[in-house]
Amino acid sequence: MNLASIPSPSTGVIELGPIPLRGYAFCIIIGVFVAVWFGNKRWIARGGKAGTVADIAVWAVPFGLVGGRLYHVITDYQLYFSEGENWVDAFKIWQGGLGIWGAIAFGAVGAWIGCRRRGIPLPAWADALAPGIAFAQAIGRWGNWFNQELYGKPTDLPWAVEISEGANRAAGTYHPTFLYESLWCIGVALLVIWADRRFTLGHGRAFALYVAAYCAGRGWIEYMRVDEAHHILGLRLNVWTAILVFVLAVVYIVVSAKLRPGREEIVEPDRDTTPGKDSDVDGSAKADSDAKDAEVDADAKKDPLSKDEPGTGRTAESTEAAAEKG
């Protein structure tokens, strides 16, 4: 018998008049704001401009949401396309179901587009945003608590989460794997912040460290979960994904450190695109023109005969010629 446990909300929706406020979506939105806010502070500290992180996030976030949902639907297709299921539910993202692997992969594509438009290196932007993403995940995982999903095996521990009777779930107390992952993500964020300061990580290595550390925790947390999932050689698909991505992240850190040691000195070119101001090219042309005008003025001062007579609009040479003819 449990003497203590974490209660789950009876509903994941709060009605604000005609507007339904869904706990899952609320956690995702708050997480995005935290990631952008913290990433902006780190970007400015590295020499970037305020607002750049948000501008690129406009591309990265939508791509990430689409990628996260696609990964979930593809890997759990039986929830939407098997007999008796409604395929329209695949579009109901507010009911839960975002795969972090697809979110990061597609989000990186969106970020790459945004970085190219701003002329900045994607690895540097990713390094600045890495701990913020981990904090965002820590917040976003509480959306699973609102939906009473992604819990672990039954347990009588004092921090067990209470799950009520529902579709495809039995009432009881279970390991709160959403809480474990939330706490792990906070630890990952703090690790990246410390390592970045201690070792001056650059060229995408801070982001790779975040990926590797997250995968290390996701592996054992995933192993505790009891929700339906595909298995390969006795392991859940996401466990294999975590192992593969972990290895790739570690390899990237090692190779990158050898090929491109240190950190980027300039993360964002100083471009003045204000309307009405000369660009670098126009400025150079204007400087050349001013130099030529200066040379002409200097020649005119040396040859007084080339000067105009005041008030006549005629040069001294033309006046002398006219006098001789007269």
Protein backbone atom coordinates (compact mmCIF):
# COMPACT_ATOMS: atom_id res chain seq x y z
CA MET A 1 0.00 0.00 0.00
CA ASN A 2 1.29 3.42 -0.96
CA LEU A 3 1.64 5.95 1.85
CA ALA A 4 2.59 8.68 -0.63
CA SER A 5 2.44 9.17 -4.38
CA ILE A 6 2.21 11.82 -7.09
CA PRO A 7 -1.44 12.41 -8.05
CA SER A 8 -2.30 12.86 -11.72
CA PRO A 9 -4.75 15.53 -12.88
CA SER A 10 -8.25 14.28 -13.59
CA THR A 11 -8.15 16.09 -16.93
CA GLY A 12 -5.46 17.53 -19.17
CA VAL A 13 -7.65 20.42 -20.29
CA ILE A 14 -8.58 23.61 -18.46
CA GLU A 15 -11.53 25.47 -19.95
CA LEU A 16 -10.98 29.24 -20.05
CA GLY A 17 -14.41 30.19 -21.29
CA PRO A 18 -14.61 29.08 -24.92
CA ILE A 19 -10.85 28.50 -25.06
CA PRO A 20 -9.50 25.07 -24.01
CA LEU A 21 -6.06 25.29 -22.42
CA ARG A 22 -4.40 21.92 -22.86
CA GLY A 23 -1.69 21.04 -20.39
CA TYR A 24 0.44 19.19 -22.96
CA ALA A 25 0.48 22.11 -25.38
CA PHE A 26 1.06 24.60 -22.56
CA CYS A 27 4.18 22.73 -21.41
CA ILE A 28 5.55 22.60 -24.96
CA ILE A 29 4.99 26.35 -25.46
CA ILE A 30 6.61 27.28 -22.15
CA GLY A 31 9.56 25.04 -23.00
CA VAL A 32 10.06 26.77 -26.36
CA PHE A 33 10.03 30.22 -24.74
CA VAL A 34 12.59 29.12 -22.14
CA ALA A 35 14.87 27.64 -24.81
CA VAL A 36 14.76 30.80 -26.93
CA TRP A 37 15.22 33.13 -23.94
CA PHE A 38 18.19 31.23 -22.52
CA GLY A 39 19.67 30.60 -25.95
CA ASN A 40 19.50 34.33 -26.69
CA LYS A 41 21.49 35.12 -23.53
CA ARG A 42 24.17 32.61 -24.47
CA TRP A 43 24.27 33.82 -28.08
CA ILE A 44 24.84 37.43 -27.00
CA ALA A 45 27.55 36.28 -24.57
CA ARG A 46 29.34 34.62 -27.49
CA GLY A 47 29.29 37.82 -29.53
CA GLY A 48 26.02 37.43 -31.41
CA LYS A 49 23.20 39.91 -31.79
CA ALA A 50 20.04 40.05 -29.72
CA GLY A 51 17.05 38.57 -31.55
CA THR A 52 19.03 36.27 -33.83
CA VAL A 53 18.11 33.14 -31.85
CA ALA A 54 14.41 34.01 -32.02
CA ASP A 55 14.61 34.73 -35.75
CA ILE A 56 16.12 31.32 -36.45
CA ALA A 57 13.73 29.62 -34.01
CA VAL A 58 10.88 30.81 -36.24
CA TRP A 59 12.22 28.26 -38.73
CA ALA A 60 13.42 25.60 -36.31
CA VAL A 61 10.33 25.25 -34.09
CA PRO A 62 7.73 24.50 -36.82
CA PHE A 63 10.10 22.05 -38.49
CA GLY A 64 10.75 20.44 -35.13
CA LEU A 65 7.06 20.01 -34.34
CA VAL A 66 6.41 18.42 -37.72
CA GLY A 67 9.43 16.13 -37.40
CA GLY A 68 8.55 15.12 -33.86
CA ARG A 69 5.02 14.23 -34.84
CA LEU A 70 6.12 12.33 -37.94
CA TYR A 71 8.56 10.22 -35.94
CA HIS A 72 5.86 9.37 -33.40
CA VAL A 73 3.24 8.50 -36.00
CA ILE A 74 5.64 6.39 -38.08
CA THR A 75 7.05 4.45 -35.13
CA ASP A 76 3.61 4.00 -33.50
CA TYR A 77 1.54 3.71 -36.65
CA GLN A 78 -0.66 1.01 -35.09
CA LEU A 79 -2.22 3.68 -32.86
CA TYR A 80 -3.63 5.47 -35.89
CA PHE A 81 -3.83 3.12 -38.87
CA SER A 82 -4.76 -0.28 -37.42
CA GLU A 83 -8.28 -1.67 -37.48
CA GLY A 84 -10.68 0.29 -35.31
CA GLU A 85 -8.43 3.38 -35.10
CA ASN A 86 -9.11 6.76 -36.67
CA TRP A 87 -6.23 8.02 -38.84
CA VAL A 88 -7.38 11.61 -38.27
CA ASP A 89 -6.05 11.30 -34.72
CA ALA A 90 -2.55 11.39 -36.18
CA PHE A 91 -3.00 15.16 -36.59
CA LYS A 92 -4.18 15.75 -33.01
CA ILE A 93 -0.82 16.76 -31.62
CA TRP A 94 -2.39 18.16 -28.46
CA GLN A 95 -3.23 14.63 -27.35
CA GLY A 96 0.46 13.88 -26.98
CA GLY A 97 2.99 12.15 -29.14
CA LEU A 98 6.19 13.97 -30.13
CA GLY A 99 9.34 11.98 -30.85
CA ILE A 100 12.41 13.93 -29.74
CA TRP A 101 14.52 12.22 -32.39
CA GLY A 102 12.37 13.54 -35.22
CA ALA A 103 11.99 16.92 -33.54
CA ILE A 104 15.76 17.47 -33.30
CA ALA A 105 16.44 16.16 -36.81
CA PHE A 106 13.78 18.25 -38.55
CA GLY A 107 14.40 21.20 -36.24
CA ALA A 108 18.04 21.16 -37.35
CA VAL A 109 16.89 21.43 -40.98
CA GLY A 110 14.78 24.46 -40.13
CA ALA A 111 17.64 25.98 -38.13
CA TRP A 112 20.01 25.41 -41.07
CA ILE A 113 17.68 27.37 -43.34
CA GLY A 114 17.43 30.20 -40.82
CA CYS A 115 21.19 30.30 -40.28
CA ARG A 116 21.89 30.46 -44.01
CA ARG A 117 19.52 33.39 -44.33
CA ARG A 118 21.38 35.23 -41.57
CA GLY A 119 24.85 34.18 -42.74
CA ILE A 120 25.86 32.52 -39.46
CA PRO A 121 27.30 29.04 -38.76
CA LEU A 122 24.73 26.46 -37.64
CA PRO A 123 27.12 24.71 -35.18
CA ALA A 124 27.69 27.96 -33.26
CA TRP A 125 23.94 28.61 -33.02
CA ALA A 126 23.33 25.02 -31.90
CA ASP A 127 25.99 25.34 -29.19
CA ALA A 128 24.30 28.43 -27.81
CA LEU A 129 20.89 26.78 -27.79
CA ALA A 130 21.90 23.32 -26.47
CA PRO A 131 21.26 23.76 -22.72
CA GLY A 132 18.07 25.68 -23.45
CA ILE A 133 16.76 22.73 -25.45
CA ALA A 134 17.46 20.45 -22.49
CA PHE A 135 15.57 22.81 -20.16
CA ALA A 136 12.71 22.88 -22.68
CA GLN A 137 12.55 19.09 -22.67
CA ALA A 138 12.48 19.08 -18.88
CA ILE A 139 9.42 21.34 -18.97
CA GLY A 140 7.78 19.61 -21.90
CA ARG A 141 7.87 16.19 -20.22
CA TRP A 142 5.32 17.40 -17.69
CA GLY A 143 2.85 17.45 -20.56
CA ASN A 144 2.91 13.63 -20.31
CA TRP A 145 1.85 13.97 -16.68
CA PHE A 146 -1.22 15.95 -17.77
CA ASN A 147 -2.08 13.22 -20.30
CA GLN A 148 -1.26 10.34 -17.91
CA GLU A 149 1.12 8.72 -20.39
CA LEU A 150 4.69 7.45 -20.67
CA TYR A 151 4.88 6.01 -17.17
CA GLY A 152 7.00 3.03 -16.13
CA LYS A 153 6.48 -0.26 -14.37
CA PRO A 154 4.23 -0.63 -11.29
CA THR A 155 5.88 0.45 -8.05
CA ASP A 156 5.13 1.28 -4.42
CA LEU A 157 7.82 3.94 -4.10
CA PRO A 158 6.76 7.19 -2.39
CA TRP A 159 7.23 9.13 -5.63
CA ALA A 160 5.13 6.76 -7.74
CA VAL A 161 2.63 8.46 -10.03
CA GLU A 162 -1.06 7.64 -9.75
CA ILE A 163 -2.66 6.58 -13.01
CA SER A 164 -6.44 6.36 -13.31
CA GLU A 165 -8.40 3.86 -15.38
CA GLY A 166 -8.54 4.79 -19.03
CA ALA A 167 -8.12 3.66 -22.59
CA ASN A 168 -5.24 1.17 -22.84
CA ARG A 169 -4.23 1.71 -19.22
CA ALA A 170 -5.03 0.22 -15.83
CA ALA A 171 -5.38 2.15 -12.60
CA GLY A 172 -2.44 1.93 -10.23
CA THR A 173 0.85 3.52 -9.19
CA TYR A 174 3.79 3.44 -11.57
CA HIS A 175 7.32 4.74 -11.99
CA PRO A 176 7.04 8.40 -13.11
CA THR A 177 9.41 8.08 -16.05
CA PHE A 178 8.33 11.52 -17.25
CA LEU A 179 9.72 12.89 -13.97
CA TYR A 180 12.93 10.89 -14.28
CA GLU A 181 13.52 12.26 -17.77
CA SER A 182 12.64 15.80 -16.69
CA LEU A 183 15.22 15.69 -13.89
CA TRP A 184 17.77 14.08 -16.20
CA CYS A 185 17.32 16.87 -18.76
CA ILE A 186 17.96 19.48 -16.08
CA GLY A 187 21.17 17.65 -15.22
CA VAL A 188 22.13 17.55 -18.91
CA ALA A 189 21.60 21.31 -19.23
CA LEU A 190 23.79 22.01 -16.21
CA LEU A 191 26.46 19.62 -17.52
CA VAL A 192 26.61 21.40 -20.89
CA ILE A 193 26.80 24.83 -19.22
CA TRP A 194 29.66 23.68 -16.99
CA ALA A 195 31.58 21.89 -19.76
CA ASP A 196 31.16 24.82 -22.13
CA ARG A 197 32.74 27.17 -19.59
CA ARG A 198 35.41 24.72 -18.50
CA PHE A 199 36.58 23.53 -21.92
CA THR A 200 35.42 26.41 -24.19
CA LEU A 201 33.43 24.14 -26.49
CA GLY A 202 32.83 25.29 -30.03
CA HIS A 203 31.97 24.16 -33.57
CA GLY A 204 28.93 22.15 -32.42
CA ARG A 205 30.61 20.23 -29.59
CA ALA A 206 28.39 21.70 -26.86
CA PHE A 207 25.36 20.55 -28.80
CA ALA A 208 26.91 17.12 -29.38
CA LEU A 209 27.57 16.83 -25.64
CA TYR A 210 23.90 17.60 -24.97
CA VAL A 211 22.87 14.90 -27.45
CA ALA A 212 25.23 12.29 -25.99
CA ALA A 213 24.25 13.02 -22.38
CA TYR A 214 20.55 12.97 -23.17
CA CYS A 215 20.84 9.65 -25.02
CA ALA A 216 22.69 8.10 -22.07
CA GLY A 217 19.75 8.87 -19.81
CA ARG A 218 17.04 8.16 -22.35
CA GLY A 219 18.37 4.63 -22.78
CA TRP A 220 17.73 3.47 -19.22
CA ILE A 221 14.55 5.53 -18.82
CA GLU A 222 13.13 4.06 -22.02
CA TYR A 223 13.89 0.59 -20.71
CA MET A 224 11.59 1.25 -17.72
CA ARG A 225 8.56 2.23 -19.77
CA VAL A 226 5.65 -0.15 -20.27
CA ASP A 227 3.74 1.57 -23.08
CA GLU A 228 3.43 -0.29 -26.36
CA ALA A 229 6.50 -0.04 -28.59
CA HIS A 230 8.30 -1.90 -31.36
CA HIS A 231 11.18 -4.15 -30.28
CA ILE A 232 14.37 -5.18 -32.10
CA LEU A 233 16.41 -8.03 -30.61
CA GLY A 234 14.53 -7.66 -27.36
CA LEU A 235 15.12 -3.91 -26.98
CA ARG A 236 12.68 -1.09 -27.62
CA LEU A 237 13.22 0.84 -30.83
CA ASN A 238 13.98 4.04 -28.97
CA VAL A 239 16.70 2.30 -26.96
CA TRP A 240 18.46 1.36 -30.20
CA THR A 241 17.98 4.91 -31.47
CA ALA A 242 19.52 6.31 -28.28
CA ILE A 243 22.53 3.98 -28.60
CA LEU A 244 23.13 4.89 -32.25
CA VAL A 245 22.77 8.64 -31.73
CA PHE A 246 24.98 8.49 -28.62
CA VAL A 247 27.80 6.86 -30.60
CA LEU A 248 27.48 9.39 -33.43
CA ALA A 249 27.57 12.31 -30.98
CA VAL A 250 30.69 11.02 -29.22
CA VAL A 251 32.45 10.42 -32.54
CA TYR A 252 31.59 13.97 -33.62
CA ILE A 253 33.04 15.43 -30.41
CA VAL A 254 36.33 13.53 -30.84
CA VAL A 255 36.76 14.22 -34.57
CA SER A 256 35.66 17.84 -34.34
CA ALA A 257 38.07 18.55 -31.48
CA LYS A 258 40.96 17.32 -33.64
CA LEU A 259 39.94 19.04 -36.86
CA ARG A 260 38.64 22.33 -35.45
CA PRO A 261 39.92 22.91 -31.91
CA GLY A 262 38.83 25.92 -29.91
CA ARG A 263 35.75 28.06 -30.43
CA GLU A 264 34.55 30.35 -33.19
CA GLU A 265 35.90 33.88 -32.73
CA ILE A 266 33.11 35.45 -34.78
CA VAL A 267 29.66 33.88 -34.65
CA GLU A 268 27.69 36.56 -36.48
CA PRO A 269 29.03 38.88 -39.20
CA ASP A 270 28.52 42.57 -38.56
CA ARG A 271 26.22 43.47 -41.42
CA ASP A 272 24.37 46.78 -41.55
CA THR A 273 21.33 46.26 -43.72
CA THR A 274 19.47 49.37 -42.53
CA PRO A 275 17.58 50.96 -45.47
CA GLY A 276 19.23 54.18 -46.68
CA LYS A 277 22.70 53.23 -45.45
CA ASP A 278 25.50 52.28 -47.79
CA SER A 279 26.54 48.64 -47.85
CA ASP A 280 30.20 47.67 -47.78
CA VAL A 281 30.34 47.71 -51.58
CA ASP A 282 28.54 51.04 -51.90
CA GLY A 283 30.73 52.50 -49.18
CA SER A 284 33.88 51.50 -51.06
CA ALA A 285 32.56 53.02 -54.28
CA LYS A 286 31.63 56.22 -52.45
CA ALA A 287 35.11 56.41 -50.91
CA ASP A 288 36.73 56.01 -54.34
CA SER A 289 34.50 58.75 -55.74
CA ASP A 290 35.39 61.12 -52.90
CA ALA A 291 39.08 60.41 -53.45
CA LYS A 292 38.80 61.28 -57.15
CA ASP A 293 36.94 64.52 -56.34
CA ALA A 294 39.70 65.44 -53.92
CA GLU A 295 42.31 64.91 -56.62
CA VAL A 296 40.41 67.15 -59.08
CA ASP A 297 40.14 69.91 -56.48
CA ALA A 298 43.87 69.66 -55.76
CA ASP A 299 44.70 70.01 -59.49
CA ALA A 300 42.40 73.00 -59.78
CA LYS A 301 44.21 74.74 -56.96
CA LYS A 302 47.56 74.13 -58.64
CA ASP A 303 46.30 75.55 -62.03
CA PRO A 304 44.42 78.80 -61.39
CA LEU A 305 43.69 79.23 -65.10
CA SER A 306 41.30 76.32 -64.91
CA LYS A 307 39.13 78.10 -62.37
CA ASP A 308 35.88 79.78 -63.32
CA GLU A 309 35.66 83.53 -63.15
CA PRO A 310 33.29 84.50 -60.42
CA GLY A 311 29.82 85.25 -61.67
CA THR A 312 30.59 84.64 -65.37
CA GLY A 313 30.41 80.90 -65.68
CA ARG A 314 33.49 81.17 -67.97
CA THR A 315 37.05 79.98 -67.35
CA ALA A 316 40.05 82.32 -67.41
CA GLU A 317 41.35 80.67 -70.57
CA SER A 318 38.15 81.36 -72.50
CA THR A 319 38.20 85.02 -71.37
CA GLU A 320 41.76 85.59 -72.66
CA ALA A 321 40.89 83.97 -76.00
CA ALA A 322 37.93 86.28 -76.43
CA ALA A 323 40.06 89.34 -75.64
CA GLU A 324 42.62 88.44 -78.32
CA LYS A 325 39.90 88.06 -80.92
CA GLY A 326 38.48 91.43 -79.94
